[in-house]
Amino acid sequence: VKEAELIKLFTNSLRYIQFATANQFYMICENFGVDYTDYVQLKCVSKDQELVIFVNEEPAYSFKVPNPKSKIIGVCIFFEGTGSIKDIKLTGNAREVYSFGL
């Protein structure tokens, strides 16, 4: 019984420390002017076997696609750190194919 109580105490303590640490990092970032409610617009354009990634309509990264075009069967978005998605729109041949959250 003592072991179980100690495990619960340690587990809860670790959880509270994790929340407190995340809150402290959030407040530090706010002091540096980071606004987590300010979304950026990302856009990927594929043309002539080149993919260009735009951030707020400015080209940020591009690379040549070595393989010929093929069908997209899924989209995965990963974040390094904090991130969220407000809406998604996929278009092809000047028509909307899929939208979410718009």
Protein backbone atom coordinates (compact mmCIF):
# COMPACT_ATOMS: atom_id res chain seq x y z
CA VAL A 1 0.00 0.00 0.00
CA LYS A 2 2.84 2.40 0.82
CA GLU A 3 4.49 1.70 -2.51
CA ALA A 4 1.28 2.44 -4.42
CA GLU A 5 0.78 5.71 -2.54
CA LEU A 6 4.36 6.77 -3.25
CA ILE A 7 4.04 5.89 -6.94
CA LYS A 8 0.84 7.97 -7.16
CA LEU A 9 2.54 10.86 -5.33
CA PHE A 10 5.60 10.76 -7.62
CA THR A 11 3.48 10.43 -10.77
CA ASN A 12 1.29 13.39 -9.81
CA SER A 13 4.36 15.45 -8.88
CA LEU A 14 5.97 14.74 -12.25
CA ARG A 15 2.76 15.71 -14.04
CA TYR A 16 2.53 19.02 -12.16
CA ILE A 17 6.21 19.74 -12.88
CA GLN A 18 5.61 19.13 -16.60
CA PHE A 19 2.64 21.52 -16.64
CA ALA A 20 4.56 24.16 -14.69
CA THR A 21 7.57 23.87 -17.02
CA ALA A 22 5.38 24.23 -20.12
CA ASN A 23 3.69 27.28 -18.61
CA GLN A 24 7.04 28.86 -17.79
CA PHE A 25 8.30 28.32 -21.36
CA TYR A 26 5.05 29.83 -22.67
CA MET A 27 5.52 32.94 -20.49
CA ILE A 28 9.18 33.26 -21.53
CA CYS A 29 8.18 33.08 -25.20
CA GLU A 30 5.46 35.69 -24.65
CA ASN A 31 8.10 38.00 -23.13
CA PHE A 32 10.12 37.61 -26.35
CA GLY A 33 7.07 38.59 -28.42
CA VAL A 34 5.95 35.15 -29.60
CA ASP A 35 2.19 35.14 -30.27
CA TYR A 36 0.77 31.63 -30.37
CA THR A 37 -2.56 32.91 -31.67
CA ASP A 38 -0.92 34.37 -34.80
CA TYR A 39 -1.18 31.72 -37.52
CA VAL A 40 1.13 31.72 -40.52
CA GLN A 41 -0.02 30.71 -43.98
CA LEU A 42 1.84 27.80 -45.55
CA LYS A 43 1.44 26.99 -49.22
CA CYS A 44 3.10 24.26 -51.28
CA VAL A 45 3.19 24.64 -55.04
CA SER A 46 4.33 21.84 -57.31
CA LYS A 47 5.12 22.73 -60.91
CA ASP A 48 7.57 21.35 -63.47
CA GLN A 49 8.93 18.79 -60.97
CA GLU A 50 9.83 21.50 -58.44
CA LEU A 51 8.14 21.95 -55.05
CA VAL A 52 8.13 25.44 -53.55
CA ILE A 53 7.01 26.07 -49.97
CA PHE A 54 5.73 29.56 -49.18
CA VAL A 55 5.34 31.11 -45.71
CA ASN A 56 2.93 34.06 -45.72
CA GLU A 57 3.19 34.19 -49.54
CA GLU A 58 7.01 34.45 -49.44
CA PRO A 59 9.05 31.54 -50.88
CA ALA A 60 10.85 29.87 -47.99
CA TYR A 61 12.16 26.60 -49.45
CA SER A 62 12.23 24.82 -52.79
CA PHE A 63 13.62 21.61 -54.19
CA LYS A 64 13.50 19.54 -57.34
CA VAL A 65 11.26 16.48 -57.23
CA PRO A 66 13.25 13.63 -58.82
CA ASN A 67 10.32 11.34 -59.59
CA PRO A 68 7.51 12.06 -62.05
CA LYS A 69 4.21 13.22 -60.59
CA SER A 70 1.94 10.70 -58.95
CA LYS A 71 -1.24 10.65 -56.90
CA ILE A 72 -1.29 12.02 -53.37
CA ILE A 73 -2.69 9.35 -51.10
CA GLY A 74 -2.31 11.18 -47.80
CA VAL A 75 -0.92 14.25 -46.12
CA CYS A 76 1.08 14.16 -42.87
CA ILE A 77 2.07 17.29 -41.03
CA PHE A 78 4.64 17.14 -38.24
CA PHE A 79 5.65 19.93 -35.90
CA GLU A 80 8.96 20.44 -34.15
CA GLY A 81 7.62 21.94 -30.95
CA THR A 82 4.22 23.57 -30.64
CA GLY A 83 1.90 23.71 -33.61
CA SER A 84 -1.70 23.60 -34.72
CA ILE A 85 -3.66 23.75 -37.94
CA LYS A 86 -6.50 26.20 -38.43
CA ASP A 87 -7.61 25.11 -41.91
CA ILE A 88 -6.48 23.13 -44.96
CA LYS A 89 -7.33 23.56 -48.63
CA LEU A 90 -6.05 21.29 -51.39
CA THR A 91 -6.45 22.35 -55.00
CA GLY A 92 -5.60 20.77 -58.30
CA ASN A 93 -5.98 22.04 -61.86
CA ALA A 94 -7.43 25.34 -60.57
CA ARG A 95 -10.26 23.65 -58.66
CA GLU A 96 -10.71 22.91 -54.98
CA VAL A 97 -10.30 19.23 -54.18
CA TYR A 98 -10.57 19.25 -50.39
CA SER A 99 -11.07 21.81 -47.62
CA PHE A 100 -11.17 21.56 -43.85
CA GLY A 101 -11.98 24.25 -41.31
CA LEU A 102 -12.61 27.05 -43.80
